[in-house]
Amino acid sequence: MNVFLLVGSPKGRHSASFLLGSKLAEGLRVHGAVVVEGMLYGELRSEEGTGRLLDAVDASDLVVFAFPLYVDSLPAPLTRLLERIAERRALAPGAAGAPRLAVMVQCGFPEAHQCDTAVGICRLFAGRTGMRWAGALAMGMGGSLGGDLGKLPGGGKNILDALDMASKSLADGGDIPEEAARLFSRPLMPRWLYLLFGNIGWRMQMRKNKAHRPISHRPYGQE
């Protein structure tokens, strides 16, 4: 099976999306798949690079998008790529060999359900372009992901177990199991602890950038 895993984060290899995507890719390879990894940002800046992305999609049995949530949706460049894929497939309606599509999306909100709209967009895109929807892995608290899942509370066991289940099923031609999606969406830590660390991080950034107004300041808010 040929798999194209595309990371849709502007941070590239330093992103949580790349961390999660590379772990899924490892599992897919263990189960016999041939995985090609791509970075959306950079490639989409030129017509030549965009062509390579489109060709990689066409040559795959399975396409996986790994991306962060941006304003309840996909990053704008990834949306643009979906438009280009749709344009190409519209030129060959009913073409045989359409790849399956699965997605991995993470957000900075504490709740995984904040990703539901983005997942719905991808599912609708798959249906309208003739691609078979293979499911989604969505998680909250993405802001706590560093370069090592083992440093998470519990050693990131739920994430690793979910990725193992998903990679095996996808490599066998199936969809992402519901149990894998459930494990992946579990909170990485108590909500209060995540918010505490998040607020500390904001205050550190304010100090670094010499911002003197309180964090609750709303210059454009109504009186």
C-alpha atoms as a PDB file:
ATOM      1  CA  MET A   1       0.000   0.000   0.000  1.00  0.00           C
ATOM      2  CA  ASN A   2       1.270   3.473  -0.932  1.00  0.00           C
ATOM      3  CA  VAL A   3       0.559   6.165   1.657  1.00  0.00           C
ATOM      4  CA  PHE A   4       1.054   9.913   1.325  1.00  0.00           C
ATOM      5  CA  LEU A   5       1.214  11.667   4.696  1.00  0.00           C
ATOM      6  CA  LEU A   6       1.047  15.439   4.379  1.00  0.00           C
ATOM      7  CA  VAL A   7       1.853  17.729   7.315  1.00  0.00           C
ATOM      8  CA  GLY A   8      -0.230  20.901   7.089  1.00  0.00           C
ATOM      9  CA  SER A   9       1.420  22.957   9.824  1.00  0.00           C
ATOM     10  CA  PRO A  10       3.511  26.081   9.097  1.00  0.00           C
ATOM     11  CA  LYS A  11       5.949  24.874  11.771  1.00  0.00           C
ATOM     12  CA  GLY A  12       6.847  21.890   9.604  1.00  0.00           C
ATOM     13  CA  ARG A  13       9.080  19.359  11.350  1.00  0.00           C
ATOM     14  CA  HIS A  14       8.933  21.308  14.600  1.00  0.00           C
ATOM     15  CA  SER A  15       5.160  20.961  14.903  1.00  0.00           C
ATOM     16  CA  ALA A  16       2.879  18.728  16.937  1.00  0.00           C
ATOM     17  CA  SER A  17       1.262  17.682  13.649  1.00  0.00           C
ATOM     18  CA  PHE A  18       4.598  16.356  12.384  1.00  0.00           C
ATOM     19  CA  LEU A  19       5.242  14.564  15.674  1.00  0.00           C
ATOM     20  CA  LEU A  20       1.895  12.770  15.516  1.00  0.00           C
ATOM     21  CA  GLY A  21       2.098  12.152  11.773  1.00  0.00           C
ATOM     22  CA  SER A  22       5.572  10.656  11.966  1.00  0.00           C
ATOM     23  CA  LYS A  23       4.434   8.280  14.724  1.00  0.00           C
ATOM     24  CA  LEU A  24       1.537   7.140  12.550  1.00  0.00           C
ATOM     25  CA  ALA A  25       3.920   6.735   9.611  1.00  0.00           C
ATOM     26  CA  GLU A  26       6.171   4.509  11.725  1.00  0.00           C
ATOM     27  CA  GLY A  27       3.242   2.235  12.496  1.00  0.00           C
ATOM     28  CA  LEU A  28       2.127   2.109   8.875  1.00  0.00           C
ATOM     29  CA  ARG A  29       5.607   1.067   7.800  1.00  0.00           C
ATOM     30  CA  VAL A  30       5.714  -1.641  10.468  1.00  0.00           C
ATOM     31  CA  HIS A  31       2.512  -3.044   8.970  1.00  0.00           C
ATOM     32  CA  GLY A  32       3.928  -3.116   5.446  1.00  0.00           C
ATOM     33  CA  ALA A  33       2.908   0.219   3.933  1.00  0.00           C
ATOM     34  CA  VAL A  34       5.226   2.399   1.865  1.00  0.00           C
ATOM     35  CA  VAL A  35       4.911   5.915   3.286  1.00  0.00           C
ATOM     36  CA  VAL A  36       5.959   9.163   1.616  1.00  0.00           C
ATOM     37  CA  GLU A  37       5.921  12.199   3.907  1.00  0.00           C
ATOM     38  CA  GLY A  38       5.395  15.724   2.592  1.00  0.00           C
ATOM     39  CA  MET A  39       5.341  19.267   3.971  1.00  0.00           C
ATOM     40  CA  LEU A  40       2.542  21.473   2.690  1.00  0.00           C
ATOM     41  CA  TYR A  41       4.177  24.800   3.457  1.00  0.00           C
ATOM     42  CA  GLY A  42       6.928  25.491   0.974  1.00  0.00           C
ATOM     43  CA  GLU A  43       5.655  23.112  -1.688  1.00  0.00           C
ATOM     44  CA  LEU A  44       2.420  25.026  -2.183  1.00  0.00           C
ATOM     45  CA  ARG A  45       4.316  28.272  -2.776  1.00  0.00           C
ATOM     46  CA  SER A  46       5.193  27.284  -6.337  1.00  0.00           C
ATOM     47  CA  GLU A  47       3.227  25.702  -9.160  1.00  0.00           C
ATOM     48  CA  GLU A  48       5.917  23.072  -9.511  1.00  0.00           C
ATOM     49  CA  GLY A  49       5.670  22.149  -5.835  1.00  0.00           C
ATOM     50  CA  THR A  50       1.882  22.112  -5.982  1.00  0.00           C
ATOM     51  CA  GLY A  51       2.110  19.741  -8.927  1.00  0.00           C
ATOM     52  CA  ARG A  52       4.267  17.387  -6.893  1.00  0.00           C
ATOM     53  CA  LEU A  53       1.669  17.354  -4.108  1.00  0.00           C
ATOM     54  CA  LEU A  54      -1.149  16.643  -6.548  1.00  0.00           C
ATOM     55  CA  ASP A  55       0.831  13.855  -8.213  1.00  0.00           C
ATOM     56  CA  ALA A  56       1.599  12.327  -4.808  1.00  0.00           C
ATOM     57  CA  VAL A  57      -2.111  12.281  -3.972  1.00  0.00           C
ATOM     58  CA  ASP A  58      -2.949  10.612  -7.287  1.00  0.00           C
ATOM     59  CA  ALA A  59      -0.234   7.972  -6.815  1.00  0.00           C
ATOM     60  CA  SER A  60      -1.416   6.953  -3.338  1.00  0.00           C
ATOM     61  CA  ASP A  61      -3.798   4.335  -2.033  1.00  0.00           C
ATOM     62  CA  LEU A  62      -4.210   6.301   1.185  1.00  0.00           C
ATOM     63  CA  VAL A  63      -3.742  10.010   1.892  1.00  0.00           C
ATOM     64  CA  VAL A  64      -3.385  11.262   5.472  1.00  0.00           C
ATOM     65  CA  PHE A  65      -3.537  14.950   6.363  1.00  0.00           C
ATOM     66  CA  ALA A  66      -1.984  15.891   9.727  1.00  0.00           C
ATOM     67  CA  PHE A  67      -2.742  19.491  10.654  1.00  0.00           C
ATOM     68  CA  PRO A  68      -3.553  21.954  13.465  1.00  0.00           C
ATOM     69  CA  LEU A  69      -6.960  23.530  13.916  1.00  0.00           C
ATOM     70  CA  TYR A  70      -7.134  27.135  12.702  1.00  0.00           C
ATOM     71  CA  VAL A  71     -10.306  29.085  13.596  1.00  0.00           C
ATOM     72  CA  ASP A  72     -12.421  25.909  13.735  1.00  0.00           C
ATOM     73  CA  SER A  73     -11.188  24.922  10.280  1.00  0.00           C
ATOM     74  CA  LEU A  74      -8.161  23.899   8.237  1.00  0.00           C
ATOM     75  CA  PRO A  75      -5.085  26.081   7.709  1.00  0.00           C
ATOM     76  CA  ALA A  76      -5.702  28.228   4.605  1.00  0.00           C
ATOM     77  CA  PRO A  77      -2.964  26.575   2.486  1.00  0.00           C
ATOM     78  CA  LEU A  78      -4.448  23.138   3.157  1.00  0.00           C
ATOM     79  CA  THR A  79      -7.871  24.428   2.116  1.00  0.00           C
ATOM     80  CA  ARG A  80      -6.257  25.697  -1.070  1.00  0.00           C
ATOM     81  CA  LEU A  81      -4.757  22.274  -1.739  1.00  0.00           C
ATOM     82  CA  LEU A  82      -8.168  20.656  -1.303  1.00  0.00           C
ATOM     83  CA  GLU A  83      -9.496  23.063  -3.918  1.00  0.00           C
ATOM     84  CA  ARG A  84      -6.714  22.101  -6.324  1.00  0.00           C
ATOM     85  CA  ILE A  85      -7.325  18.392  -5.739  1.00  0.00           C
ATOM     86  CA  ALA A  86     -11.038  18.906  -6.398  1.00  0.00           C
ATOM     87  CA  GLU A  87     -10.271  20.838  -9.596  1.00  0.00           C
ATOM     88  CA  ARG A  88      -8.039  18.044 -10.893  1.00  0.00           C
ATOM     89  CA  ARG A  89     -10.503  15.298 -10.014  1.00  0.00           C
ATOM     90  CA  ALA A  90     -13.324  17.242 -11.662  1.00  0.00           C
ATOM     91  CA  LEU A  91     -11.435  16.883 -14.945  1.00  0.00           C
ATOM     92  CA  ALA A  92     -11.640  13.096 -14.607  1.00  0.00           C
ATOM     93  CA  PRO A  93     -14.974  12.333 -12.899  1.00  0.00           C
ATOM     94  CA  GLY A  94     -15.434   8.714 -11.891  1.00  0.00           C
ATOM     95  CA  ALA A  95     -11.743   7.965 -12.345  1.00  0.00           C
ATOM     96  CA  ALA A  96     -10.751   4.591 -10.950  1.00  0.00           C
ATOM     97  CA  GLY A  97      -8.272   4.249  -8.146  1.00  0.00           C
ATOM     98  CA  ALA A  98      -9.294   7.228  -6.012  1.00  0.00           C
ATOM     99  CA  PRO A  99      -7.317   7.124  -2.753  1.00  0.00           C
ATOM    100  CA  ARG A 100      -8.790   6.836   0.707  1.00  0.00           C
ATOM    101  CA  LEU A 101      -8.546   9.862   2.979  1.00  0.00           C
ATOM    102  CA  ALA A 102      -7.862   9.976   6.722  1.00  0.00           C
ATOM    103  CA  VAL A 103      -6.989  12.981   8.866  1.00  0.00           C
ATOM    104  CA  MET A 104      -5.240  13.761  12.143  1.00  0.00           C
ATOM    105  CA  VAL A 105      -6.107  17.119  13.680  1.00  0.00           C
ATOM    106  CA  GLN A 106      -5.067  18.628  16.989  1.00  0.00           C
ATOM    107  CA  CYS A 107      -6.063  21.884  18.609  1.00  0.00           C
ATOM    108  CA  GLY A 108      -4.979  24.074  21.505  1.00  0.00           C
ATOM    109  CA  PHE A 109      -8.408  23.977  23.145  1.00  0.00           C
ATOM    110  CA  PRO A 110      -8.825  21.547  26.033  1.00  0.00           C
ATOM    111  CA  GLU A 111     -11.659  19.693  24.265  1.00  0.00           C
ATOM    112  CA  ALA A 112     -11.193  17.404  21.267  1.00  0.00           C
ATOM    113  CA  HIS A 113     -14.725  18.132  19.995  1.00  0.00           C
ATOM    114  CA  GLN A 114     -13.523  21.578  18.934  1.00  0.00           C
ATOM    115  CA  CYS A 115     -12.064  19.746  15.898  1.00  0.00           C
ATOM    116  CA  ASP A 116     -15.443  18.398  14.752  1.00  0.00           C
ATOM    117  CA  THR A 117     -16.052  21.118  12.145  1.00  0.00           C
ATOM    118  CA  ALA A 118     -12.646  20.603  10.524  1.00  0.00           C
ATOM    119  CA  VAL A 119     -13.182  16.838  10.452  1.00  0.00           C
ATOM    120  CA  GLY A 120     -16.601  17.381   8.871  1.00  0.00           C
ATOM    121  CA  ILE A 121     -15.063  19.558   6.163  1.00  0.00           C
ATOM    122  CA  CYS A 122     -12.581  16.808   5.283  1.00  0.00           C
ATOM    123  CA  ARG A 123     -15.285  14.136   5.278  1.00  0.00           C
ATOM    124  CA  LEU A 124     -17.439  16.234   2.943  1.00  0.00           C
ATOM    125  CA  PHE A 125     -14.431  16.894   0.696  1.00  0.00           C
ATOM    126  CA  ALA A 126     -13.755  13.155   0.420  1.00  0.00           C
ATOM    127  CA  GLY A 127     -17.341  12.423  -0.552  1.00  0.00           C
ATOM    128  CA  ARG A 128     -17.462  15.142  -3.203  1.00  0.00           C
ATOM    129  CA  THR A 129     -14.178  14.146  -4.832  1.00  0.00           C
ATOM    130  CA  GLY A 130     -14.811  10.399  -4.949  1.00  0.00           C
ATOM    131  CA  MET A 131     -12.310   9.577  -2.219  1.00  0.00           C
ATOM    132  CA  ARG A 132     -13.287   7.004   0.387  1.00  0.00           C
ATOM    133  CA  TRP A 133     -13.438   8.447   3.879  1.00  0.00           C
ATOM    134  CA  ALA A 134     -11.256   6.416   6.253  1.00  0.00           C
ATOM    135  CA  GLY A 135     -11.908   8.341   9.451  1.00  0.00           C
ATOM    136  CA  ALA A 136     -10.216  10.831  11.730  1.00  0.00           C
ATOM    137  CA  LEU A 137      -8.114  11.129  14.858  1.00  0.00           C
ATOM    138  CA  ALA A 138      -8.786  14.377  16.734  1.00  0.00           C
ATOM    139  CA  MET A 139      -7.372  15.639  19.994  1.00  0.00           C
ATOM    140  CA  GLY A 140      -7.378  18.693  22.235  1.00  0.00           C
ATOM    141  CA  MET A 141      -4.611  20.096  24.431  1.00  0.00           C
ATOM    142  CA  GLY A 142      -2.238  20.045  21.475  1.00  0.00           C
ATOM    143  CA  GLY A 143      -0.341  22.904  23.071  1.00  0.00           C
ATOM    144  CA  SER A 144       1.122  20.458  25.589  1.00  0.00           C
ATOM    145  CA  LEU A 145       2.759  18.252  22.956  1.00  0.00           C
ATOM    146  CA  GLY A 146       6.518  18.595  22.808  1.00  0.00           C
ATOM    147  CA  GLY A 147       9.088  16.623  20.914  1.00  0.00           C
ATOM    148  CA  ASP A 148       8.683  13.525  23.062  1.00  0.00           C
ATOM    149  CA  LEU A 149       5.329  11.885  23.750  1.00  0.00           C
ATOM    150  CA  GLY A 150       6.971   9.949  26.568  1.00  0.00           C
ATOM    151  CA  LYS A 151       7.166  13.137  28.641  1.00  0.00           C
ATOM    152  CA  LEU A 152       3.386  13.446  28.737  1.00  0.00           C
ATOM    153  CA  PRO A 153       1.467  12.266  31.833  1.00  0.00           C
ATOM    154  CA  GLY A 154       1.164   8.507  31.513  1.00  0.00           C
ATOM    155  CA  GLY A 155       3.895   8.444  28.888  1.00  0.00           C
ATOM    156  CA  GLY A 156       1.429   9.298  26.127  1.00  0.00           C
ATOM    157  CA  LYS A 157       0.090   5.723  26.283  1.00  0.00           C
ATOM    158  CA  ASN A 158      -3.390   6.578  24.990  1.00  0.00           C
ATOM    159  CA  ILE A 159      -1.942   8.383  21.971  1.00  0.00           C
ATOM    160  CA  LEU A 160       0.533   5.623  21.169  1.00  0.00           C
ATOM    161  CA  ASP A 161      -2.112   2.901  21.562  1.00  0.00           C
ATOM    162  CA  ALA A 162      -4.488   4.853  19.304  1.00  0.00           C
ATOM    163  CA  LEU A 163      -1.827   5.329  16.631  1.00  0.00           C
ATOM    164  CA  ASP A 164      -0.913   1.648  16.738  1.00  0.00           C
ATOM    165  CA  MET A 165      -4.546   0.596  16.289  1.00  0.00           C
ATOM    166  CA  ALA A 166      -5.123   3.139  13.529  1.00  0.00           C
ATOM    167  CA  SER A 167      -1.955   2.289  11.599  1.00  0.00           C
ATOM    168  CA  LYS A 168      -2.726  -1.433  11.592  1.00  0.00           C
ATOM    169  CA  SER A 169      -6.300  -0.942  10.402  1.00  0.00           C
ATOM    170  CA  LEU A 170      -5.358   1.606   7.731  1.00  0.00           C
ATOM    171  CA  ALA A 171      -2.510  -0.563   6.439  1.00  0.00           C
ATOM    172  CA  ASP A 172      -4.948  -3.465   6.135  1.00  0.00           C
ATOM    173  CA  GLY A 173      -7.274  -1.354   3.991  1.00  0.00           C
ATOM    174  CA  GLY A 174      -9.707  -0.525   6.776  1.00  0.00           C
ATOM    175  CA  ASP A 175     -10.777   2.652   8.520  1.00  0.00           C
ATOM    176  CA  ILE A 176      -9.621   4.268  11.746  1.00  0.00           C
ATOM    177  CA  PRO A 177     -11.301   2.223  14.512  1.00  0.00           C
ATOM    178  CA  GLU A 178     -13.728   3.993  16.830  1.00  0.00           C
ATOM    179  CA  GLU A 179     -11.708   2.817  19.815  1.00  0.00           C
ATOM    180  CA  ALA A 180      -8.586   4.450  18.386  1.00  0.00           C
ATOM    181  CA  ALA A 181     -10.448   7.729  17.880  1.00  0.00           C
ATOM    182  CA  ARG A 182     -11.789   7.546  21.444  1.00  0.00           C
ATOM    183  CA  LEU A 183      -8.348   6.940  22.956  1.00  0.00           C
ATOM    184  CA  PHE A 184      -6.772   9.691  20.853  1.00  0.00           C
ATOM    185  CA  SER A 185      -9.355  12.230  22.020  1.00  0.00           C
ATOM    186  CA  ARG A 186      -8.862  11.607  25.749  1.00  0.00           C
ATOM    187  CA  PRO A 187      -7.535  14.648  27.668  1.00  0.00           C
ATOM    188  CA  LEU A 188      -3.777  14.533  28.132  1.00  0.00           C
ATOM    189  CA  MET A 189      -4.056  15.972  31.643  1.00  0.00           C
ATOM    190  CA  PRO A 190      -6.655  17.521  33.969  1.00  0.00           C
ATOM    191  CA  ARG A 191      -8.289  20.583  32.420  1.00  0.00           C
ATOM    192  CA  TRP A 192      -7.261  22.852  35.303  1.00  0.00           C
ATOM    193  CA  LEU A 193      -3.608  21.859  34.919  1.00  0.00           C
ATOM    194  CA  TYR A 194      -3.617  22.506  31.168  1.00  0.00           C
ATOM    195  CA  LEU A 195      -5.191  25.946  31.669  1.00  0.00           C
ATOM    196  CA  LEU A 196      -2.683  26.739  34.419  1.00  0.00           C
ATOM    197  CA  PHE A 197       0.283  25.934  32.178  1.00  0.00           C
ATOM    198  CA  GLY A 198      -1.347  27.791  29.283  1.00  0.00           C
ATOM    199  CA  ASN A 199      -1.836  30.968  31.310  1.00  0.00           C
ATOM    200  CA  ILE A 200       1.737  30.784  32.582  1.00  0.00           C
ATOM    201  CA  GLY A 201       2.910  30.486  28.983  1.00  0.00           C
ATOM    202  CA  TRP A 202       0.921  33.561  27.929  1.00  0.00           C
ATOM    203  CA  ARG A 203       2.379  35.604  30.762  1.00  0.00           C
ATOM    204  CA  MET A 204       5.901  34.511  29.868  1.00  0.00           C
ATOM    205  CA  GLN A 205       5.301  35.648  26.290  1.00  0.00           C
ATOM    206  CA  MET A 206       3.968  38.986  27.525  1.00  0.00           C
ATOM    207  CA  ARG A 207       7.093  39.496  29.627  1.00  0.00           C
ATOM    208  CA  LYS A 208       9.345  38.465  26.728  1.00  0.00           C
ATOM    209  CA  ASN A 209       7.644  40.946  24.389  1.00  0.00           C
ATOM    210  CA  LYS A 210       7.487  43.695  27.039  1.00  0.00           C
ATOM    211  CA  ALA A 211       3.681  43.828  27.015  1.00  0.00           C
ATOM    212  CA  HIS A 212       2.649  45.841  30.070  1.00  0.00           C
ATOM    213  CA  ARG A 213      -1.138  45.752  29.875  1.00  0.00           C
ATOM    214  CA  PRO A 214      -3.034  42.997  31.710  1.00  0.00           C
ATOM    215  CA  ILE A 215      -3.705  39.798  29.814  1.00  0.00           C
ATOM    216  CA  SER A 216      -7.461  40.488  30.053  1.00  0.00           C
ATOM    217  CA  HIS A 217      -7.117  43.841  28.216  1.00  0.00           C
ATOM    218  CA  ARG A 218      -9.618  44.151  25.310  1.00  0.00           C
ATOM    219  CA  PRO A 219      -8.720  47.263  23.243  1.00  0.00           C
ATOM    220  CA  TYR A 220     -11.466  46.585  20.707  1.00  0.00           C
ATOM    221  CA  GLY A 221     -14.079  45.297  23.134  1.00  0.00           C
ATOM    222  CA  GLN A 222     -17.269  47.122  23.936  1.00  0.00           C
ATOM    223  CA  GLU A 223     -17.372  49.301  27.032  1.00  0.00           C
END
